Amino acid sequence: MNTHTISFNPNGSAHSLWTDAIPLHELGQLEIIRASNIEFNNTAQQWEVKDRRGHMRFFSKSRSACLEWEQTNLQSD
């Protein structure tokens, strides 16, 4: 079972990891800020998850494994 957390702030704004499974646009105007970037490293031949500061947080030969790691580990960031 996949769970998804949406946190609401006292001012009414919310934050969450993006998912197409929930129509977040129905909540109102969206402001999207990436929690991480998943890019392929041609030299290392692997996908890498990097935080906003550019620090590698996870890597794998599989992009879907990186997406899964992002959903599991950045949900509460």
Protein backbone atom coordinates (compact mmCIF):
# COMPACT_ATOMS: atom_id res chain seq x y z
CA MET A 1 0.00 0.00 0.00
CA ASN A 2 1.36 3.41 -0.97
CA THR A 3 0.70 6.27 1.38
CA HIS A 4 1.05 9.92 0.65
CA THR A 5 1.32 12.70 3.21
CA ILE A 6 0.12 16.24 2.69
CA SER A 7 1.10 18.61 5.52
CA PHE A 8 -0.93 21.77 6.03
CA ASN A 9 0.63 24.87 7.61
CA PRO A 10 -1.30 27.27 9.88
CA ASN A 11 -1.48 29.80 7.02
CA GLY A 12 -3.37 27.25 4.90
CA SER A 13 -0.50 26.35 2.60
CA ALA A 14 0.44 22.71 2.16
CA HIS A 15 3.52 20.75 1.20
CA SER A 16 3.89 17.26 -0.15
CA LEU A 17 5.89 15.17 -2.56
CA TRP A 18 4.30 15.31 -6.00
CA THR A 19 2.22 12.43 -7.19
CA ASP A 20 -0.06 12.14 -10.19
CA ALA A 21 -2.28 9.85 -8.09
CA ILE A 22 -3.75 12.84 -6.20
CA PRO A 23 -5.20 15.80 -8.16
CA LEU A 24 -3.25 18.40 -6.16
CA HIS A 25 -4.30 21.16 -8.58
CA GLU A 26 -7.79 20.90 -7.07
CA LEU A 27 -6.42 22.40 -3.84
CA GLY A 28 -5.73 25.68 -5.64
CA GLN A 29 -2.71 27.39 -7.15
CA LEU A 30 0.43 25.26 -7.01
CA GLU A 31 4.00 26.34 -6.35
CA ILE A 32 6.36 23.49 -7.16
CA ILE A 33 9.81 23.31 -5.57
CA ARG A 34 11.85 20.18 -6.23
CA ALA A 35 12.91 18.26 -3.11
CA SER A 36 15.54 16.44 -5.16
CA ASN A 37 16.74 15.85 -8.69
CA ILE A 38 17.13 12.45 -10.30
CA GLU A 39 19.67 12.49 -13.10
CA PHE A 40 21.64 9.87 -15.01
CA ASN A 41 25.41 9.97 -14.46
CA ASN A 42 26.91 8.96 -17.81
CA THR A 43 30.37 8.30 -16.35
CA ALA A 44 29.17 6.11 -13.47
CA GLN A 45 26.32 4.63 -15.55
CA GLN A 46 23.81 5.05 -12.73
CA TRP A 47 20.85 7.20 -11.72
CA GLU A 48 21.55 9.60 -8.83
CA VAL A 49 19.20 11.32 -6.41
CA LYS A 50 20.63 14.65 -5.30
CA ASP A 51 19.19 17.06 -2.77
CA ARG A 52 18.74 20.79 -3.42
CA ARG A 53 22.36 21.41 -2.39
CA GLY A 54 23.64 18.90 -4.94
CA HIS A 55 24.59 16.22 -2.39
CA MET A 56 23.98 12.68 -3.56
CA ARG A 57 21.41 10.97 -1.36
CA PHE A 58 20.93 7.71 -3.28
CA PHE A 59 21.98 6.00 -6.50
CA SER A 60 20.94 2.96 -8.50
CA LYS A 61 21.15 1.47 -11.98
CA SER A 62 17.33 1.71 -11.94
CA ARG A 63 15.52 5.06 -12.24
CA SER A 64 12.39 3.52 -10.76
CA ALA A 65 14.40 2.48 -7.68
CA CYS A 66 15.48 6.12 -7.31
CA LEU A 67 11.86 7.31 -7.61
CA GLU A 68 10.82 4.77 -4.99
CA TRP A 69 13.64 5.87 -2.67
CA GLU A 70 12.57 9.50 -3.13
CA GLN A 71 8.95 8.71 -2.22
CA THR A 72 9.95 6.66 0.83
CA ASN A 73 12.73 8.83 2.21
CA LEU A 74 11.75 12.39 1.36
CA GLN A 75 8.08 12.15 2.35
CA SER A 76 8.63 14.02 5.63
CA ASP A 77 11.40 16.42 4.46
